[in-house]
Amino acid sequence: MNETKKNECPECKSNNTAKHGFMVTRQGRKQRFQCKACGLTFTEKLGKTK
């Protein structure tokens, strides 16, 4: 199985991330994170964003 940790960057697989606000969806608020290694912002389950 290909399991990833919640705060692991989907792009570079780094665990060096920081909280970066929230994204509001129909299902509710999702925590956003920013990777300190590559700068990518992403959410826990929705994947990467611009």
PDB file of N, CA and C in Angstrom:
ATOM      1  N   MET A   1       0.838  -1.188   0.000  1.00  0.00           N
ATOM      2  CA  MET A   1       0.000   0.000   0.000  1.00  0.00           C
ATOM      3  C   MET A   1       0.877   1.242   0.000  1.00  0.00           C
ATOM      4  N   ASN A   2       0.393   2.285  -0.656  1.00  0.00           N
ATOM      5  CA  ASN A   2       1.142   3.525  -0.763  1.00  0.00           C
ATOM      6  C   ASN A   2       0.536   4.557   0.176  1.00  0.00           C
ATOM      7  N   GLU A   3       0.901   4.490   1.440  1.00  0.00           N
ATOM      8  CA  GLU A   3       0.363   5.416   2.441  1.00  0.00           C
ATOM      9  C   GLU A   3       1.312   6.591   2.609  1.00  0.00           C
ATOM     10  N   THR A   4       0.740   7.803   2.689  1.00  0.00           N
ATOM     11  CA  THR A   4       1.540   8.988   2.961  1.00  0.00           C
ATOM     12  C   THR A   4       1.088   9.578   4.276  1.00  0.00           C
ATOM     13  N   LYS A   5       1.976  10.222   4.969  1.00  0.00           N
ATOM     14  CA  LYS A   5       1.625  10.876   6.222  1.00  0.00           C
ATOM     15  C   LYS A   5       0.843  12.145   5.920  1.00  0.00           C
ATOM     16  N   LYS A   6       0.078  12.611   6.892  1.00  0.00           N
ATOM     17  CA  LYS A   6      -0.754  13.794   6.706  1.00  0.00           C
ATOM     18  C   LYS A   6       0.033  15.006   6.234  1.00  0.00           C
ATOM     19  N   ASN A   7       1.159  15.261   6.871  1.00  0.00           N
ATOM     20  CA  ASN A   7       1.911  16.474   6.588  1.00  0.00           C
ATOM     21  C   ASN A   7       3.062  16.256   5.619  1.00  0.00           C
ATOM     22  N   GLU A   8       3.056  15.149   4.914  1.00  0.00           N
ATOM     23  CA  GLU A   8       4.125  14.881   3.953  1.00  0.00           C
ATOM     24  C   GLU A   8       3.798  15.555   2.626  1.00  0.00           C
ATOM     25  N   CYS A   9       4.771  16.234   2.056  1.00  0.00           N
ATOM     26  CA  CYS A   9       4.581  16.922   0.781  1.00  0.00           C
ATOM     27  C   CYS A   9       4.342  15.892  -0.326  1.00  0.00           C
ATOM     28  N   PRO A  10       3.258  16.058  -1.109  1.00  0.00           N
ATOM     29  CA  PRO A  10       2.995  15.098  -2.184  1.00  0.00           C
ATOM     30  C   PRO A  10       3.982  15.211  -3.333  1.00  0.00           C
ATOM     31  N   GLU A  11       4.684  16.324  -3.442  1.00  0.00           N
ATOM     32  CA  GLU A  11       5.625  16.548  -4.536  1.00  0.00           C
ATOM     33  C   GLU A  11       7.011  15.995  -4.226  1.00  0.00           C
ATOM     34  N   CYS A  12       7.606  16.450  -3.105  1.00  0.00           N
ATOM     35  CA  CYS A  12       8.993  16.072  -2.798  1.00  0.00           C
ATOM     36  C   CYS A  12       9.112  15.098  -1.629  1.00  0.00           C
ATOM     37  N   LYS A  13       7.969  14.733  -1.016  1.00  0.00           N
ATOM     38  CA  LYS A  13       7.905  13.761   0.090  1.00  0.00           C
ATOM     39  C   LYS A  13       8.595  14.233   1.372  1.00  0.00           C
ATOM     40  N   SER A  14       8.852  15.532   1.491  1.00  0.00           N
ATOM     41  CA  SER A  14       9.487  16.084   2.683  1.00  0.00           C
ATOM     42  C   SER A  14       8.474  16.174   3.823  1.00  0.00           C
ATOM     43  N   ASN A  15       8.933  16.000   5.048  1.00  0.00           N
ATOM     44  CA  ASN A  15       8.089  16.192   6.233  1.00  0.00           C
ATOM     45  C   ASN A  15       8.283  17.572   6.847  1.00  0.00           C
ATOM     46  N   ASN A  16       9.085  18.411   6.211  1.00  0.00           N
ATOM     47  CA  ASN A  16       9.374  19.750   6.700  1.00  0.00           C
ATOM     48  C   ASN A  16       8.289  20.699   6.184  1.00  0.00           C
ATOM     49  N   THR A  17       7.130  20.707   6.878  1.00  0.00           N
ATOM     50  CA  THR A  17       5.991  21.507   6.449  1.00  0.00           C
ATOM     51  C   THR A  17       5.514  22.411   7.574  1.00  0.00           C
ATOM     52  N   ALA A  18       4.725  23.430   7.199  1.00  0.00           N
ATOM     53  CA  ALA A  18       4.150  24.357   8.175  1.00  0.00           C
ATOM     54  C   ALA A  18       2.683  24.582   7.825  1.00  0.00           C
ATOM     55  N   LYS A  19       1.860  24.851   8.821  1.00  0.00           N
ATOM     56  CA  LYS A  19       0.456  25.168   8.576  1.00  0.00           C
ATOM     57  C   LYS A  19       0.391  26.462   7.774  1.00  0.00           C
ATOM     58  N   HIS A  20      -0.565  26.511   6.824  1.00  0.00           N
ATOM     59  CA  HIS A  20      -0.641  27.648   5.900  1.00  0.00           C
ATOM     60  C   HIS A  20      -2.100  28.037   5.646  1.00  0.00           C
ATOM     61  N   GLY A  21      -2.878  28.166   6.704  1.00  0.00           N
ATOM     62  CA  GLY A  21      -4.262  28.592   6.586  1.00  0.00           C
ATOM     63  C   GLY A  21      -5.232  27.434   6.374  1.00  0.00           C
ATOM     64  N   PHE A  22      -6.443  27.787   5.902  1.00  0.00           N
ATOM     65  CA  PHE A  22      -7.501  26.812   5.687  1.00  0.00           C
ATOM     66  C   PHE A  22      -8.074  26.963   4.288  1.00  0.00           C
ATOM     67  N   MET A  23      -8.638  25.878   3.769  1.00  0.00           N
ATOM     68  CA  MET A  23      -9.380  25.901   2.517  1.00  0.00           C
ATOM     69  C   MET A  23     -10.807  25.486   2.857  1.00  0.00           C
ATOM     70  N   VAL A  24     -11.782  26.263   2.401  1.00  0.00           N
ATOM     71  CA  VAL A  24     -13.179  25.959   2.689  1.00  0.00           C
ATOM     72  C   VAL A  24     -13.750  25.155   1.524  1.00  0.00           C
ATOM     73  N   THR A  25     -14.304  23.995   1.834  1.00  0.00           N
ATOM     74  CA  THR A  25     -14.916  23.129   0.828  1.00  0.00           C
ATOM     75  C   THR A  25     -16.342  22.822   1.238  1.00  0.00           C
ATOM     76  N   ARG A  26     -17.046  22.104   0.411  1.00  0.00           N
ATOM     77  CA  ARG A  26     -18.417  21.704   0.762  1.00  0.00           C
ATOM     78  C   ARG A  26     -18.441  20.798   1.978  1.00  0.00           C
ATOM     79  N   GLN A  27     -17.375  20.054   2.195  1.00  0.00           N
ATOM     80  CA  GLN A  27     -17.296  19.148   3.338  1.00  0.00           C
ATOM     81  C   GLN A  27     -16.850  19.863   4.614  1.00  0.00           C
ATOM     82  N   GLY A  28     -16.451  21.121   4.519  1.00  0.00           N
ATOM     83  CA  GLY A  28     -15.998  21.875   5.687  1.00  0.00           C
ATOM     84  C   GLY A  28     -14.623  22.461   5.449  1.00  0.00           C
ATOM     85  N   ARG A  29     -13.986  22.898   6.525  1.00  0.00           N
ATOM     86  CA  ARG A  29     -12.661  23.489   6.416  1.00  0.00           C
ATOM     87  C   ARG A  29     -11.588  22.412   6.405  1.00  0.00           C
ATOM     88  N   LYS A  30     -10.587  22.594   5.543  1.00  0.00           N
ATOM     89  CA  LYS A  30      -9.452  21.679   5.466  1.00  0.00           C
ATOM     90  C   LYS A  30      -8.183  22.468   5.751  1.00  0.00           C
ATOM     91  N   GLN A  31      -7.333  21.918   6.585  1.00  0.00           N
ATOM     92  CA  GLN A  31      -6.066  22.566   6.918  1.00  0.00           C
ATOM     93  C   GLN A  31      -5.151  22.547   5.698  1.00  0.00           C
ATOM     94  N   ARG A  32      -4.554  23.704   5.381  1.00  0.00           N
ATOM     95  CA  ARG A  32      -3.576  23.775   4.300  1.00  0.00           C
ATOM     96  C   ARG A  32      -2.182  23.784   4.907  1.00  0.00           C
ATOM     97  N   PHE A  33      -1.230  23.233   4.185  1.00  0.00           N
ATOM     98  CA  PHE A  33       0.164  23.190   4.608  1.00  0.00           C
ATOM     99  C   PHE A  33       1.041  23.720   3.488  1.00  0.00           C
ATOM    100  N   GLN A  34       2.209  24.224   3.856  1.00  0.00           N
ATOM    101  CA  GLN A  34       3.197  24.639   2.865  1.00  0.00           C
ATOM    102  C   GLN A  34       4.493  23.905   3.149  1.00  0.00           C
ATOM    103  N   CYS A  35       5.065  23.333   2.098  1.00  0.00           N
ATOM    104  CA  CYS A  35       6.328  22.621   2.215  1.00  0.00           C
ATOM    105  C   CYS A  35       7.458  23.643   2.281  1.00  0.00           C
ATOM    106  N   LYS A  36       8.311  23.527   3.277  1.00  0.00           N
ATOM    107  CA  LYS A  36       9.439  24.448   3.418  1.00  0.00           C
ATOM    108  C   LYS A  36      10.582  24.097   2.462  1.00  0.00           C
ATOM    109  N   ALA A  37      10.569  22.883   1.943  1.00  0.00           N
ATOM    110  CA  ALA A  37      11.629  22.453   1.028  1.00  0.00           C
ATOM    111  C   ALA A  37      11.384  22.942  -0.402  1.00  0.00           C
ATOM    112  N   CYS A  38      10.149  22.747  -0.917  1.00  0.00           N
ATOM    113  CA  CYS A  38       9.883  23.108  -2.320  1.00  0.00           C
ATOM    114  C   CYS A  38       8.868  24.245  -2.478  1.00  0.00           C
ATOM    115  N   GLY A  39       8.198  24.656  -1.385  1.00  0.00           N
ATOM    116  CA  GLY A  39       7.275  25.783  -1.441  1.00  0.00           C
ATOM    117  C   GLY A  39       5.854  25.430  -1.864  1.00  0.00           C
ATOM    118  N   LEU A  40       5.560  24.166  -2.121  1.00  0.00           N
ATOM    119  CA  LEU A  40       4.243  23.749  -2.558  1.00  0.00           C
ATOM    120  C   LEU A  40       3.236  23.888  -1.421  1.00  0.00           C
ATOM    121  N   THR A  41       2.012  24.357  -1.734  1.00  0.00           N
ATOM    122  CA  THR A  41       0.939  24.362  -0.742  1.00  0.00           C
ATOM    123  C   THR A  41      -0.001  23.214  -1.069  1.00  0.00           C
ATOM    124  N   PHE A  42      -0.496  22.544  -0.035  1.00  0.00           N
ATOM    125  CA  PHE A  42      -1.350  21.384  -0.217  1.00  0.00           C
ATOM    126  C   PHE A  42      -2.225  21.189   0.995  1.00  0.00           C
ATOM    127  N   THR A  43      -3.273  20.360   0.840  1.00  0.00           N
ATOM    128  CA  THR A  43      -4.149  20.030   1.955  1.00  0.00           C
ATOM    129  C   THR A  43      -3.917  18.570   2.338  1.00  0.00           C
ATOM    130  N   GLU A  44      -4.484  18.163   3.445  1.00  0.00           N
ATOM    131  CA  GLU A  44      -4.282  16.812   3.947  1.00  0.00           C
ATOM    132  C   GLU A  44      -4.715  15.746   2.962  1.00  0.00           C
ATOM    133  N   LYS A  45      -5.921  15.880   2.393  1.00  0.00           N
ATOM    134  CA  LYS A  45      -6.452  14.814   1.548  1.00  0.00           C
ATOM    135  C   LYS A  45      -6.742  15.240   0.124  1.00  0.00           C
ATOM    136  N   LEU A  46      -6.865  16.536  -0.134  1.00  0.00           N
ATOM    137  CA  LEU A  46      -7.239  16.996  -1.465  1.00  0.00           C
ATOM    138  C   LEU A  46      -6.054  17.045  -2.425  1.00  0.00           C
ATOM    139  N   GLY A  47      -4.856  16.974  -1.914  1.00  0.00           N
ATOM    140  CA  GLY A  47      -3.688  17.011  -2.787  1.00  0.00           C
ATOM    141  C   GLY A  47      -3.130  18.414  -2.941  1.00  0.00           C
ATOM    142  N   LYS A  48      -2.312  18.628  -3.967  1.00  0.00           N
ATOM    143  CA  LYS A  48      -1.622  19.896  -4.110  1.00  0.00           C
ATOM    144  C   LYS A  48      -2.517  20.970  -4.718  1.00  0.00           C
ATOM    145  N   THR A  49      -2.201  22.232  -4.417  1.00  0.00           N
ATOM    146  CA  THR A  49      -2.880  23.385  -4.986  1.00  0.00           C
ATOM    147  C   THR A  49      -1.838  24.303  -5.580  1.00  0.00           C
ATOM    148  N   LYS A  50      -2.275  25.302  -6.316  1.00  0.00           N
ATOM    149  CA  LYS A  50      -1.330  26.216  -6.976  1.00  0.00           C
ATOM    150  C   LYS A  50      -0.467  26.980  -6.020  1.00  0.00           C
TER     151      LYS A  50
END
